Amino acid sequence: MLKADLHVHTEYSMDCGMSLDTVIERCQRMGINCIAVADHGTIEGALEMQRIAPFTIIVAEEILTPYGEIMGMFLKETVPNGLSVEQTIAQIRTQGGIVCVPHSFDVFRPSALSDKIVEEIAQEIDVIEVFNARNLLHRSSEKALTFAVKHGIAQSAGSDAHTPGEIGNAYVEMPEFEGRDDFLQALAKGKIIGHRTNPLTHFASAWNKLKNRTWR
């Protein structure tokens, strides 16, 4: 069985300072043996992680549209930020990737897709994150779960880790898989485990974002 944290960031995200080696070491310490590396606006770090990690890596990306973020999974190329929701989904599909909605229904997160948009694209969603450890309110997770069940969408979970201590705060215990289609079948058999991260952790992301902007 895999312990899959399906939403992890690295230093390739502007708001994260974790090196790839740090992520690997923390995963091994926590018994996490599968992660989706979903950096903001690039798959460069995920591809490098896939090359060096001794466990399963899903190449993913959080892509910013004018209406919020969509996660592409099993990507081969970076999808640029700034495209419309429809264009972003089309680019993920062109690569044979999976369309995932991260941190769904989180009212405190500006980068979350609006409820209206999520409803409009329901038929295009392959996976929805029903538990994100950084979501502040439990009702966000409840709403996401209800939505997933209503529309028959696969359910995922992730720590949304930007710091080492967050890795493994949420994960899916699921069978091993090979490739995109096998992943969806395995995910359907998974069990979500985790707890919410201390909200103060968000300050680390804000500091990294400010630091990186200043240095650049």
N, C-alpha and C. Protein backbone atom coordinates (compact mmCIF):
# COMPACT_ATOMS: atom_id res chain seq x y z
N MET A 1 0.84 -1.21 0.00
CA MET A 1 0.00 0.00 0.00
C MET A 1 0.87 1.26 0.00
N LEU A 2 0.35 2.29 -0.61
CA LEU A 2 1.04 3.57 -0.64
C LEU A 2 0.44 4.51 0.39
N LYS A 3 1.31 5.35 0.93
CA LYS A 3 0.86 6.52 1.70
C LYS A 3 1.18 7.72 0.82
N ALA A 4 0.14 8.21 0.12
CA ALA A 4 0.34 9.20 -0.94
C ALA A 4 -0.13 10.58 -0.50
N ASP A 5 0.83 11.48 -0.33
CA ASP A 5 0.53 12.89 -0.08
C ASP A 5 0.44 13.56 -1.44
N LEU A 6 -0.78 13.87 -1.85
CA LEU A 6 -1.03 14.26 -3.24
C LEU A 6 -1.01 15.76 -3.48
N HIS A 7 -0.25 16.49 -2.65
CA HIS A 7 -0.11 17.94 -2.86
C HIS A 7 1.08 18.43 -2.03
N VAL A 8 2.23 18.50 -2.68
CA VAL A 8 3.46 18.93 -2.00
C VAL A 8 4.19 19.94 -2.88
N HIS A 9 4.76 20.98 -2.25
CA HIS A 9 5.53 21.99 -2.98
C HIS A 9 7.02 21.82 -2.70
N THR A 10 7.82 22.48 -3.54
CA THR A 10 9.27 22.48 -3.36
C THR A 10 9.78 23.89 -3.60
N GLU A 11 11.11 24.04 -3.54
CA GLU A 11 11.72 25.35 -3.76
C GLU A 11 11.48 25.89 -5.16
N TYR A 12 10.92 25.09 -6.03
CA TYR A 12 10.58 25.58 -7.37
C TYR A 12 9.31 26.42 -7.35
N SER A 13 8.61 26.43 -6.23
CA SER A 13 7.49 27.35 -6.01
C SER A 13 8.01 28.60 -5.32
N MET A 14 7.53 29.76 -5.73
CA MET A 14 8.03 31.02 -5.17
C MET A 14 7.80 31.13 -3.67
N ASP A 15 6.75 30.47 -3.16
CA ASP A 15 6.41 30.61 -1.74
C ASP A 15 6.88 29.42 -0.90
N CYS A 16 7.86 28.69 -1.41
CA CYS A 16 8.36 27.52 -0.68
C CYS A 16 9.88 27.48 -0.73
N GLY A 17 10.50 27.09 0.37
CA GLY A 17 11.96 27.05 0.42
C GLY A 17 12.53 25.65 0.55
N MET A 18 11.70 24.60 0.42
CA MET A 18 12.18 23.24 0.64
C MET A 18 12.96 22.72 -0.56
N SER A 19 14.17 22.28 -0.32
CA SER A 19 14.94 21.64 -1.38
C SER A 19 14.34 20.26 -1.66
N LEU A 20 14.69 19.71 -2.82
CA LEU A 20 14.19 18.38 -3.18
C LEU A 20 14.71 17.33 -2.20
N ASP A 21 15.96 17.46 -1.80
CA ASP A 21 16.52 16.51 -0.85
C ASP A 21 15.80 16.56 0.50
N THR A 22 15.44 17.77 0.92
CA THR A 22 14.71 17.93 2.18
C THR A 22 13.36 17.23 2.11
N VAL A 23 12.67 17.39 0.99
CA VAL A 23 11.37 16.74 0.81
C VAL A 23 11.53 15.22 0.86
N ILE A 24 12.52 14.71 0.16
CA ILE A 24 12.75 13.26 0.15
C ILE A 24 13.03 12.74 1.55
N GLU A 25 13.90 13.42 2.28
CA GLU A 25 14.26 12.97 3.63
C GLU A 25 13.05 12.98 4.56
N ARG A 26 12.25 14.03 4.47
CA ARG A 26 11.07 14.12 5.33
C ARG A 26 10.04 13.05 4.98
N CYS A 27 9.85 12.80 3.70
CA CYS A 27 8.92 11.75 3.28
C CYS A 27 9.34 10.40 3.84
N GLN A 28 10.63 10.10 3.74
CA GLN A 28 11.13 8.81 4.23
C GLN A 28 10.95 8.70 5.74
N ARG A 29 11.15 9.81 6.44
CA ARG A 29 10.97 9.80 7.89
C ARG A 29 9.51 9.58 8.28
N MET A 30 8.59 10.10 7.47
CA MET A 30 7.16 10.02 7.77
C MET A 30 6.49 8.79 7.16
N GLY A 31 7.25 8.02 6.39
CA GLY A 31 6.67 6.85 5.76
C GLY A 31 5.81 7.17 4.54
N ILE A 32 5.97 8.38 4.01
CA ILE A 32 5.25 8.77 2.79
C ILE A 32 6.04 8.23 1.60
N ASN A 33 5.42 7.38 0.80
CA ASN A 33 6.15 6.75 -0.31
C ASN A 33 5.55 7.07 -1.67
N CYS A 34 4.76 8.12 -1.72
CA CYS A 34 4.24 8.63 -2.99
C CYS A 34 3.83 10.08 -2.77
N ILE A 35 4.26 10.99 -3.64
CA ILE A 35 3.82 12.38 -3.54
C ILE A 35 3.52 12.93 -4.93
N ALA A 36 2.59 13.86 -4.96
CA ALA A 36 2.37 14.66 -6.16
C ALA A 36 3.07 15.98 -5.93
N VAL A 37 4.12 16.23 -6.70
CA VAL A 37 4.84 17.50 -6.61
C VAL A 37 4.09 18.50 -7.48
N ALA A 38 3.46 19.47 -6.84
CA ALA A 38 2.56 20.40 -7.54
C ALA A 38 3.01 21.84 -7.32
N ASP A 39 4.17 22.17 -7.87
CA ASP A 39 4.67 23.54 -7.72
C ASP A 39 3.81 24.52 -8.51
N HIS A 40 3.89 25.78 -8.12
CA HIS A 40 3.13 26.83 -8.80
C HIS A 40 3.78 27.17 -10.13
N GLY A 41 3.06 26.94 -11.22
CA GLY A 41 3.48 27.43 -12.52
C GLY A 41 4.65 26.73 -13.18
N THR A 42 5.04 25.55 -12.70
CA THR A 42 6.15 24.83 -13.33
C THR A 42 6.13 23.36 -12.93
N ILE A 43 6.61 22.49 -13.83
CA ILE A 43 6.80 21.08 -13.48
C ILE A 43 8.29 20.74 -13.40
N GLU A 44 9.13 21.76 -13.48
CA GLU A 44 10.58 21.53 -13.50
C GLU A 44 11.05 20.77 -12.26
N GLY A 45 10.60 21.21 -11.09
CA GLY A 45 10.99 20.54 -9.85
C GLY A 45 10.44 19.13 -9.77
N ALA A 46 9.22 18.94 -10.24
CA ALA A 46 8.59 17.62 -10.20
C ALA A 46 9.35 16.63 -11.09
N LEU A 47 9.77 17.09 -12.26
CA LEU A 47 10.52 16.22 -13.16
C LEU A 47 11.87 15.82 -12.55
N GLU A 48 12.53 16.78 -11.91
CA GLU A 48 13.81 16.47 -11.26
C GLU A 48 13.59 15.54 -10.07
N MET A 49 12.52 15.77 -9.32
CA MET A 49 12.20 14.90 -8.19
C MET A 49 11.93 13.48 -8.67
N GLN A 50 11.22 13.36 -9.78
CA GLN A 50 10.93 12.04 -10.34
C GLN A 50 12.23 11.30 -10.70
N ARG A 51 13.24 12.06 -11.09
CA ARG A 51 14.52 11.46 -11.48
C ARG A 51 15.31 10.95 -10.27
N ILE A 52 15.22 11.65 -9.14
CA ILE A 52 16.12 11.33 -8.01
C ILE A 52 15.43 10.65 -6.83
N ALA A 53 14.12 10.72 -6.73
CA ALA A 53 13.44 10.18 -5.54
C ALA A 53 13.37 8.65 -5.59
N PRO A 54 13.52 8.01 -4.44
CA PRO A 54 13.46 6.55 -4.38
C PRO A 54 12.04 6.01 -4.19
N PHE A 55 11.05 6.85 -4.45
CA PHE A 55 9.65 6.44 -4.33
C PHE A 55 8.85 7.10 -5.44
N THR A 56 7.55 6.83 -5.49
CA THR A 56 6.70 7.26 -6.60
C THR A 56 6.46 8.77 -6.58
N ILE A 57 6.69 9.40 -7.73
CA ILE A 57 6.44 10.83 -7.89
C ILE A 57 5.43 11.04 -9.01
N ILE A 58 4.38 11.80 -8.71
CA ILE A 58 3.42 12.23 -9.72
C ILE A 58 3.81 13.65 -10.13
N VAL A 59 4.04 13.85 -11.42
CA VAL A 59 4.39 15.18 -11.92
C VAL A 59 3.11 16.00 -12.05
N ALA A 60 3.02 17.03 -11.22
CA ALA A 60 1.81 17.85 -11.18
C ALA A 60 2.19 19.33 -11.20
N GLU A 61 1.18 20.18 -11.25
CA GLU A 61 1.41 21.63 -11.28
C GLU A 61 0.13 22.33 -10.83
N GLU A 62 0.29 23.34 -10.00
CA GLU A 62 -0.83 24.23 -9.70
C GLU A 62 -0.78 25.38 -10.71
N ILE A 63 -1.82 25.47 -11.51
CA ILE A 63 -1.86 26.43 -12.62
C ILE A 63 -2.86 27.53 -12.27
N LEU A 64 -2.40 28.77 -12.32
CA LEU A 64 -3.27 29.89 -11.94
C LEU A 64 -4.02 30.42 -13.16
N THR A 65 -5.33 30.33 -13.10
CA THR A 65 -6.19 30.92 -14.12
C THR A 65 -6.73 32.24 -13.57
N PRO A 66 -7.42 33.04 -14.39
CA PRO A 66 -8.00 34.29 -13.86
C PRO A 66 -9.04 34.06 -12.78
N TYR A 67 -9.49 32.81 -12.62
CA TYR A 67 -10.54 32.52 -11.64
C TYR A 67 -10.08 31.61 -10.50
N GLY A 68 -8.78 31.36 -10.44
CA GLY A 68 -8.27 30.50 -9.38
C GLY A 68 -7.42 29.38 -9.95
N GLU A 69 -6.97 28.49 -9.07
CA GLU A 69 -6.01 27.45 -9.47
C GLU A 69 -6.67 26.13 -9.83
N ILE A 70 -6.06 25.49 -10.83
CA ILE A 70 -6.40 24.12 -11.21
C ILE A 70 -5.11 23.33 -11.15
N MET A 71 -5.19 22.11 -10.65
CA MET A 71 -4.01 21.25 -10.63
C MET A 71 -4.06 20.27 -11.79
N GLY A 72 -2.99 20.24 -12.57
CA GLY A 72 -2.83 19.20 -13.58
C GLY A 72 -1.93 18.12 -13.01
N MET A 73 -2.29 16.87 -13.22
CA MET A 73 -1.50 15.74 -12.72
C MET A 73 -1.10 14.84 -13.89
N PHE A 74 0.04 14.17 -13.77
CA PHE A 74 0.59 13.32 -14.82
C PHE A 74 0.90 14.16 -16.06
N LEU A 75 1.55 15.29 -15.81
CA LEU A 75 1.90 16.20 -16.89
C LEU A 75 3.26 15.86 -17.47
N LYS A 76 3.44 16.28 -18.72
CA LYS A 76 4.72 16.12 -19.41
C LYS A 76 5.38 17.46 -19.68
N GLU A 77 4.57 18.54 -19.71
CA GLU A 77 5.06 19.88 -19.96
C GLU A 77 4.34 20.86 -19.03
N THR A 78 5.01 21.97 -18.74
CA THR A 78 4.41 23.02 -17.91
C THR A 78 3.24 23.66 -18.67
N VAL A 79 2.14 23.85 -17.97
CA VAL A 79 1.00 24.59 -18.52
C VAL A 79 1.15 26.03 -18.03
N PRO A 80 1.15 27.00 -18.92
CA PRO A 80 1.37 28.39 -18.48
C PRO A 80 0.23 28.93 -17.63
N ASN A 81 0.57 29.79 -16.69
CA ASN A 81 -0.43 30.52 -15.93
C ASN A 81 -1.13 31.54 -16.82
N GLY A 82 -2.30 31.97 -16.39
CA GLY A 82 -2.98 33.08 -17.06
C GLY A 82 -3.96 32.69 -18.13
N LEU A 83 -4.02 31.39 -18.48
CA LEU A 83 -4.99 30.96 -19.47
C LEU A 83 -6.38 30.87 -18.83
N SER A 84 -7.41 30.83 -19.64
CA SER A 84 -8.76 30.67 -19.11
C SER A 84 -8.90 29.28 -18.50
N VAL A 85 -9.94 29.09 -17.74
CA VAL A 85 -10.20 27.77 -17.16
C VAL A 85 -10.33 26.72 -18.26
N GLU A 86 -11.06 27.06 -19.29
CA GLU A 86 -11.28 26.11 -20.40
C GLU A 86 -9.96 25.78 -21.11
N GLN A 87 -9.14 26.80 -21.36
CA GLN A 87 -7.86 26.58 -22.03
C GLN A 87 -6.92 25.75 -21.17
N THR A 88 -6.94 26.00 -19.87
CA THR A 88 -6.08 25.25 -18.95
C THR A 88 -6.46 23.78 -18.95
N ILE A 89 -7.75 23.51 -18.86
CA ILE A 89 -8.22 22.12 -18.89
C ILE A 89 -7.84 21.46 -20.20
N ALA A 90 -7.99 22.19 -21.30
CA ALA A 90 -7.66 21.64 -22.62
C ALA A 90 -6.18 21.28 -22.71
N GLN A 91 -5.31 22.13 -22.14
CA GLN A 91 -3.87 21.85 -22.19
C GLN A 91 -3.51 20.63 -21.34
N ILE A 92 -4.18 20.47 -20.22
CA ILE A 92 -3.96 19.28 -19.38
C ILE A 92 -4.41 18.04 -20.14
N ARG A 93 -5.56 18.11 -20.77
CA ARG A 93 -6.10 16.98 -21.53
C ARG A 93 -5.20 16.60 -22.71
N THR A 94 -4.66 17.61 -23.38
CA THR A 94 -3.79 17.37 -24.53
C THR A 94 -2.60 16.50 -24.15
N GLN A 95 -2.13 16.65 -22.91
CA GLN A 95 -0.98 15.88 -22.42
C GLN A 95 -1.39 14.51 -21.86
N GLY A 96 -2.70 14.24 -21.87
CA GLY A 96 -3.16 13.01 -21.26
C GLY A 96 -3.18 13.08 -19.75
N GLY A 97 -3.22 14.32 -19.22
CA GLY A 97 -3.17 14.52 -17.78
C GLY A 97 -4.53 14.45 -17.11
N ILE A 98 -4.50 14.60 -15.80
CA ILE A 98 -5.70 14.55 -14.96
C ILE A 98 -6.00 15.94 -14.45
N VAL A 99 -7.28 16.31 -14.49
CA VAL A 99 -7.73 17.61 -13.99
C VAL A 99 -8.17 17.46 -12.54
N CYS A 100 -7.50 18.18 -11.65
CA CYS A 100 -7.80 18.13 -10.22
C CYS A 100 -8.10 19.53 -9.72
N VAL A 101 -9.08 19.65 -8.83
CA VAL A 101 -9.37 20.93 -8.19
C VAL A 101 -8.77 20.90 -6.78
N PRO A 102 -7.74 21.72 -6.52
CA PRO A 102 -7.12 21.74 -5.20
C PRO A 102 -7.83 22.70 -4.24
N HIS A 103 -7.57 22.51 -2.95
CA HIS A 103 -8.14 23.36 -1.88
C HIS A 103 -9.52 23.90 -2.24
N SER A 104 -10.39 22.98 -2.60
CA SER A 104 -11.73 23.35 -3.07
C SER A 104 -12.59 23.92 -1.95
N PHE A 105 -13.38 24.92 -2.31
CA PHE A 105 -14.36 25.57 -1.43
C PHE A 105 -13.74 26.22 -0.19
N ASP A 106 -12.45 26.56 -0.29
CA ASP A 106 -11.78 27.27 0.82
C ASP A 106 -12.05 28.77 0.68
N VAL A 107 -12.92 29.28 1.51
CA VAL A 107 -13.36 30.68 1.38
C VAL A 107 -12.27 31.67 1.77
N PHE A 108 -11.23 31.21 2.45
CA PHE A 108 -10.17 32.11 2.89
C PHE A 108 -8.99 32.16 1.91
N ARG A 109 -9.07 31.35 0.84
CA ARG A 109 -7.93 31.26 -0.07
C ARG A 109 -8.27 31.92 -1.40
N PRO A 110 -7.64 33.05 -1.70
CA PRO A 110 -7.94 33.76 -2.96
C PRO A 110 -7.70 32.92 -4.20
N SER A 111 -6.79 31.94 -4.11
CA SER A 111 -6.46 31.14 -5.28
C SER A 111 -7.42 29.97 -5.51
N ALA A 112 -8.40 29.80 -4.63
CA ALA A 112 -9.37 28.72 -4.82
C ALA A 112 -10.39 29.11 -5.88
N LEU A 113 -10.73 28.16 -6.73
CA LEU A 113 -11.78 28.42 -7.72
C LEU A 113 -13.08 28.75 -7.00
N SER A 114 -13.86 29.65 -7.56
CA SER A 114 -15.15 30.00 -6.96
C SER A 114 -16.11 28.82 -7.06
N ASP A 115 -17.07 28.80 -6.16
CA ASP A 115 -18.07 27.73 -6.18
C ASP A 115 -18.76 27.65 -7.54
N LYS A 116 -19.03 28.81 -8.10
CA LYS A 116 -19.73 28.88 -9.39
C LYS A 116 -18.93 28.19 -10.49
N ILE A 117 -17.63 28.47 -10.54
CA ILE A 117 -16.77 27.87 -11.56
C ILE A 117 -16.67 26.36 -11.36
N VAL A 118 -16.52 25.94 -10.11
CA VAL A 118 -16.42 24.49 -9.83
C VAL A 118 -17.68 23.78 -10.31
N GLU A 119 -18.83 24.37 -10.06
CA GLU A 119 -20.09 23.77 -10.53
C GLU A 119 -20.13 23.71 -12.05
N GLU A 120 -19.66 24.78 -12.69
CA GLU A 120 -19.73 24.84 -14.15
C GLU A 120 -18.84 23.80 -14.83
N ILE A 121 -17.71 23.46 -14.20
CA ILE A 121 -16.77 22.52 -14.82
C ILE A 121 -16.85 21.13 -14.19
N ALA A 122 -17.89 20.85 -13.45
CA ALA A 122 -18.00 19.58 -12.73
C ALA A 122 -17.74 18.37 -13.62
N GLN A 123 -18.24 18.42 -14.85
CA GLN A 123 -18.09 17.26 -15.74
C GLN A 123 -16.66 17.12 -16.26
N GLU A 124 -15.84 18.13 -16.08
CA GLU A 124 -14.45 18.10 -16.55
C GLU A 124 -13.47 17.70 -15.46
N ILE A 125 -13.95 17.60 -14.22
CA ILE A 125 -13.06 17.33 -13.09
C ILE A 125 -12.88 15.82 -12.91
N ASP A 126 -11.62 15.38 -12.90
CA ASP A 126 -11.31 13.96 -12.66
C ASP A 126 -11.15 13.67 -11.17
N VAL A 127 -10.55 14.63 -10.47
CA VAL A 127 -10.22 14.46 -9.05
C VAL A 127 -10.50 15.77 -8.33
N ILE A 128 -11.02 15.69 -7.12
CA ILE A 128 -11.19 16.89 -6.29
C ILE A 128 -10.55 16.63 -4.92
N GLU A 129 -9.83 17.62 -4.46
CA GLU A 129 -9.16 17.52 -3.16
C GLU A 129 -10.20 17.75 -2.07
N VAL A 130 -10.60 16.67 -1.41
CA VAL A 130 -11.64 16.80 -0.38
C VAL A 130 -11.05 17.06 1.00
N PHE A 131 -9.73 16.91 1.10
CA PHE A 131 -9.07 17.30 2.35
C PHE A 131 -7.71 17.90 2.03
N ASN A 132 -7.58 19.18 2.31
CA ASN A 132 -6.31 19.90 2.19
C ASN A 132 -5.94 20.33 3.60
N ALA A 133 -4.79 19.91 4.07
CA ALA A 133 -4.42 20.15 5.47
C ALA A 133 -4.31 21.63 5.81
N ARG A 134 -4.16 22.49 4.79
CA ARG A 134 -4.06 23.92 5.05
C ARG A 134 -5.41 24.64 5.05
N ASN A 135 -6.48 23.94 4.67
CA ASN A 135 -7.80 24.57 4.75
C ASN A 135 -8.13 24.87 6.20
N LEU A 136 -8.61 26.07 6.45
CA LEU A 136 -8.85 26.49 7.83
C LEU A 136 -10.14 25.93 8.41
N LEU A 137 -11.15 25.74 7.56
CA LEU A 137 -12.46 25.33 8.06
C LEU A 137 -12.79 23.90 7.66
N HIS A 138 -13.29 23.14 8.62
CA HIS A 138 -13.70 21.76 8.35
C HIS A 138 -14.84 21.71 7.34
N ARG A 139 -15.69 22.73 7.34
CA ARG A 139 -16.84 22.70 6.43
C ARG A 139 -16.42 22.80 4.96
N SER A 140 -15.22 23.32 4.69
CA SER A 140 -14.71 23.33 3.31
C SER A 140 -14.52 21.90 2.83
N SER A 141 -13.96 21.06 3.69
CA SER A 141 -13.75 19.66 3.35
C SER A 141 -15.09 18.93 3.20
N GLU A 142 -16.02 19.22 4.09
CA GLU A 142 -17.34 18.59 4.02
C GLU A 142 -18.04 18.94 2.72
N LYS A 143 -17.95 20.19 2.32
CA LYS A 143 -18.58 20.65 1.09
C LYS A 143 -17.95 19.97 -0.12
N ALA A 144 -16.61 19.85 -0.10
CA ALA A 144 -15.90 19.19 -1.20
C ALA A 144 -16.28 17.72 -1.30
N LEU A 145 -16.40 17.06 -0.16
CA LEU A 145 -16.77 15.65 -0.15
C LEU A 145 -18.19 15.46 -0.70
N THR A 146 -19.10 16.31 -0.27
CA THR A 146 -20.48 16.24 -0.77
C THR A 146 -20.53 16.43 -2.28
N PHE A 147 -19.74 17.39 -2.77
CA PHE A 147 -19.67 17.67 -4.20
C PHE A 147 -19.12 16.47 -4.96
N ALA A 148 -18.05 15.87 -4.42
CA ALA A 148 -17.43 14.72 -5.07
C ALA A 148 -18.40 13.55 -5.18
N VAL A 149 -19.12 13.27 -4.11
CA VAL A 149 -20.08 12.17 -4.10
C VAL A 149 -21.22 12.45 -5.08
N LYS A 150 -21.71 13.67 -5.08
CA LYS A 150 -22.82 14.06 -5.96
C LYS A 150 -22.47 13.85 -7.43
N HIS A 151 -21.24 14.19 -7.81
CA HIS A 151 -20.84 14.14 -9.21
C HIS A 151 -20.00 12.92 -9.57
N GLY A 152 -19.78 12.02 -8.61
CA GLY A 152 -19.02 10.81 -8.89
C GLY A 152 -17.57 11.08 -9.23
N ILE A 153 -16.95 12.03 -8.52
CA ILE A 153 -15.57 12.44 -8.78
C ILE A 153 -14.63 11.79 -7.77
N ALA A 154 -13.48 11.35 -8.25
CA ALA A 154 -12.49 10.73 -7.36
C ALA A 154 -12.01 11.74 -6.31
N GLN A 155 -11.74 11.26 -5.10
CA GLN A 155 -11.39 12.12 -3.97
C GLN A 155 -9.93 11.98 -3.60
N SER A 156 -9.25 13.12 -3.41
CA SER A 156 -7.84 13.09 -3.02
C SER A 156 -7.62 13.92 -1.76
N ALA A 157 -6.39 13.84 -1.26
CA ALA A 157 -6.02 14.61 -0.07
C ALA A 157 -4.54 14.91 -0.14
N GLY A 158 -4.15 16.03 0.44
CA GLY A 158 -2.75 16.38 0.46
C GLY A 158 -2.44 17.40 1.53
N SER A 159 -1.19 17.45 1.92
CA SER A 159 -0.77 18.38 2.97
C SER A 159 -0.67 19.81 2.45
N ASP A 160 -0.48 19.97 1.12
CA ASP A 160 -0.18 21.29 0.54
C ASP A 160 1.07 21.85 1.21
N ALA A 161 2.01 20.96 1.51
CA ALA A 161 3.19 21.31 2.30
C ALA A 161 4.07 22.33 1.60
N HIS A 162 4.44 23.37 2.37
CA HIS A 162 5.43 24.35 1.96
C HIS A 162 6.62 24.33 2.91
N THR A 163 6.49 23.57 4.00
CA THR A 163 7.56 23.41 4.98
C THR A 163 7.68 21.92 5.32
N PRO A 164 8.86 21.47 5.76
CA PRO A 164 9.06 20.03 6.01
C PRO A 164 8.08 19.43 7.00
N GLY A 165 7.77 20.17 8.06
CA GLY A 165 6.90 19.63 9.09
C GLY A 165 5.48 19.37 8.65
N GLU A 166 5.10 19.91 7.49
CA GLU A 166 3.73 19.70 7.00
C GLU A 166 3.56 18.41 6.20
N ILE A 167 4.65 17.90 5.66
CA ILE A 167 4.55 16.72 4.80
C ILE A 167 3.93 15.56 5.57
N GLY A 168 2.93 14.96 4.98
CA GLY A 168 2.24 13.84 5.61
C GLY A 168 1.11 14.23 6.53
N ASN A 169 0.84 15.54 6.67
CA ASN A 169 -0.30 15.95 7.49
C ASN A 169 -1.62 15.47 6.90
N ALA A 170 -1.62 15.22 5.60
CA ALA A 170 -2.78 14.60 4.94
C ALA A 170 -2.25 13.71 3.82
N TYR A 171 -2.84 12.54 3.71
CA TYR A 171 -2.43 11.62 2.65
C TYR A 171 -3.55 10.62 2.37
N VAL A 172 -3.38 9.89 1.28
CA VAL A 172 -4.33 8.83 0.94
C VAL A 172 -3.60 7.50 1.04
N GLU A 173 -4.14 6.60 1.82
CA GLU A 173 -3.63 5.23 1.88
C GLU A 173 -4.31 4.47 0.75
N MET A 174 -3.54 4.05 -0.24
CA MET A 174 -4.13 3.52 -1.47
C MET A 174 -3.26 2.43 -2.07
N PRO A 175 -3.82 1.59 -2.94
CA PRO A 175 -3.01 0.56 -3.60
C PRO A 175 -1.98 1.19 -4.53
N GLU A 176 -0.94 0.44 -4.83
CA GLU A 176 0.05 0.90 -5.80
C GLU A 176 -0.59 0.97 -7.19
N PHE A 177 -0.02 1.80 -8.04
CA PHE A 177 -0.60 2.01 -9.37
C PHE A 177 0.50 2.18 -10.40
N GLU A 178 0.11 2.04 -11.66
CA GLU A 178 1.02 2.30 -12.77
C GLU A 178 0.28 3.18 -13.78
N GLY A 179 0.67 4.44 -13.85
CA GLY A 179 0.09 5.32 -14.84
C GLY A 179 -1.22 5.97 -14.45
N ARG A 180 -1.71 6.81 -15.35
CA ARG A 180 -2.86 7.66 -15.11
C ARG A 180 -4.14 6.90 -14.77
N ASP A 181 -4.53 5.97 -15.66
CA ASP A 181 -5.81 5.28 -15.47
C ASP A 181 -5.78 4.39 -14.24
N ASP A 182 -4.65 3.72 -14.02
CA ASP A 182 -4.50 2.86 -12.86
C ASP A 182 -4.56 3.70 -11.58
N PHE A 183 -4.02 4.92 -11.65
CA PHE A 183 -4.06 5.83 -10.49
C PHE A 183 -5.50 6.12 -10.08
N LEU A 184 -6.35 6.45 -11.02
CA LEU A 184 -7.74 6.78 -10.70
C LEU A 184 -8.46 5.59 -10.07
N GLN A 185 -8.18 4.40 -10.56
CA GLN A 185 -8.79 3.21 -9.98
C GLN A 185 -8.29 2.97 -8.57
N ALA A 186 -6.98 3.16 -8.36
CA ALA A 186 -6.40 2.96 -7.03
C ALA A 186 -6.92 4.02 -6.05
N LEU A 187 -7.04 5.25 -6.54
CA LEU A 187 -7.51 6.34 -5.69
C LEU A 187 -8.93 6.07 -5.19
N ALA A 188 -9.74 5.48 -6.05
CA ALA A 188 -11.13 5.16 -5.68
C ALA A 188 -11.19 4.16 -4.52
N LYS A 189 -10.11 3.41 -4.33
CA LYS A 189 -10.06 2.42 -3.24
C LYS A 189 -9.33 2.98 -2.02
N GLY A 190 -8.93 4.24 -2.09
CA GLY A 190 -8.10 4.82 -1.04
C GLY A 190 -8.87 5.25 0.21
N LYS A 191 -8.10 5.45 1.26
CA LYS A 191 -8.63 5.95 2.54
C LYS A 191 -7.88 7.22 2.91
N ILE A 192 -8.63 8.28 3.16
CA ILE A 192 -8.02 9.58 3.47
C ILE A 192 -7.71 9.67 4.96
N ILE A 193 -6.49 10.08 5.26
CA ILE A 193 -6.03 10.19 6.65
C ILE A 193 -5.33 11.54 6.81
N GLY A 194 -5.54 12.19 7.95
CA GLY A 194 -4.80 13.42 8.18
C GLY A 194 -5.43 14.35 9.19
N HIS A 195 -4.77 15.47 9.37
CA HIS A 195 -5.25 16.49 10.30
C HIS A 195 -4.87 17.86 9.75
N ARG A 196 -5.57 18.88 10.20
CA ARG A 196 -5.30 20.23 9.70
C ARG A 196 -3.99 20.77 10.26
N THR A 197 -3.31 21.52 9.43
CA THR A 197 -2.04 22.15 9.80
C THR A 197 -2.30 23.39 10.64
N ASN A 198 -1.38 23.69 11.55
CA ASN A 198 -1.48 24.92 12.33
C ASN A 198 -1.50 26.12 11.40
N PRO A 199 -2.51 26.98 11.49
CA PRO A 199 -2.62 28.13 10.58
C PRO A 199 -1.39 29.04 10.57
N LEU A 200 -0.62 29.05 11.65
CA LEU A 200 0.58 29.90 11.70
C LEU A 200 1.60 29.51 10.64
N THR A 201 1.49 28.29 10.14
CA THR A 201 2.42 27.83 9.11
C THR A 201 2.32 28.67 7.85
N HIS A 202 1.17 29.29 7.62
CA HIS A 202 0.99 30.13 6.43
C HIS A 202 2.00 31.28 6.41
N PHE A 203 2.46 31.71 7.57
CA PHE A 203 3.43 32.81 7.61
C PHE A 203 4.74 32.43 6.93
N ALA A 204 5.10 31.14 7.00
CA ALA A 204 6.32 30.68 6.34
C ALA A 204 6.21 30.86 4.83
N SER A 205 5.03 30.56 4.28
CA SER A 205 4.82 30.74 2.84
C SER A 205 4.90 32.20 2.45
N ALA A 206 4.27 33.05 3.27
CA ALA A 206 4.29 34.49 2.99
C ALA A 206 5.72 35.02 3.03
N TRP A 207 6.52 34.55 3.99
CA TRP A 207 7.90 35.01 4.11
C TRP A 207 8.71 34.57 2.90
N ASN A 208 8.55 33.31 2.49
CA ASN A 208 9.29 32.83 1.31
C ASN A 208 8.92 33.61 0.06
N LYS A 209 7.65 33.92 -0.09
CA LYS A 209 7.20 34.68 -1.26
C LYS A 209 7.83 36.08 -1.25
N LEU A 210 7.82 36.74 -0.10
CA LEU A 210 8.41 38.06 0.01
C LEU A 210 9.91 38.01 -0.24
N LYS A 211 10.58 37.03 0.36
CA LYS A 211 12.02 36.89 0.21
C LYS A 211 12.41 36.67 -1.25
N ASN A 212 11.69 35.78 -1.92
CA ASN A 212 12.01 35.47 -3.32
C ASN A 212 11.75 36.68 -4.23
N ARG A 213 10.70 37.40 -3.97
CA ARG A 213 10.42 38.58 -4.77
C ARG A 213 11.50 39.65 -4.57
N THR A 214 11.95 39.78 -3.33
CA THR A 214 12.96 40.77 -3.02
C THR A 214 14.28 40.43 -3.70
N TRP A 215 14.67 39.13 -3.59
CA TRP A 215 15.94 38.72 -4.18
C TRP A 215 15.92 38.78 -5.69
N ARG A 216 14.76 38.55 -6.27
CA ARG A 216 14.69 38.55 -7.73
C ARG A 216 14.54 39.97 -8.29
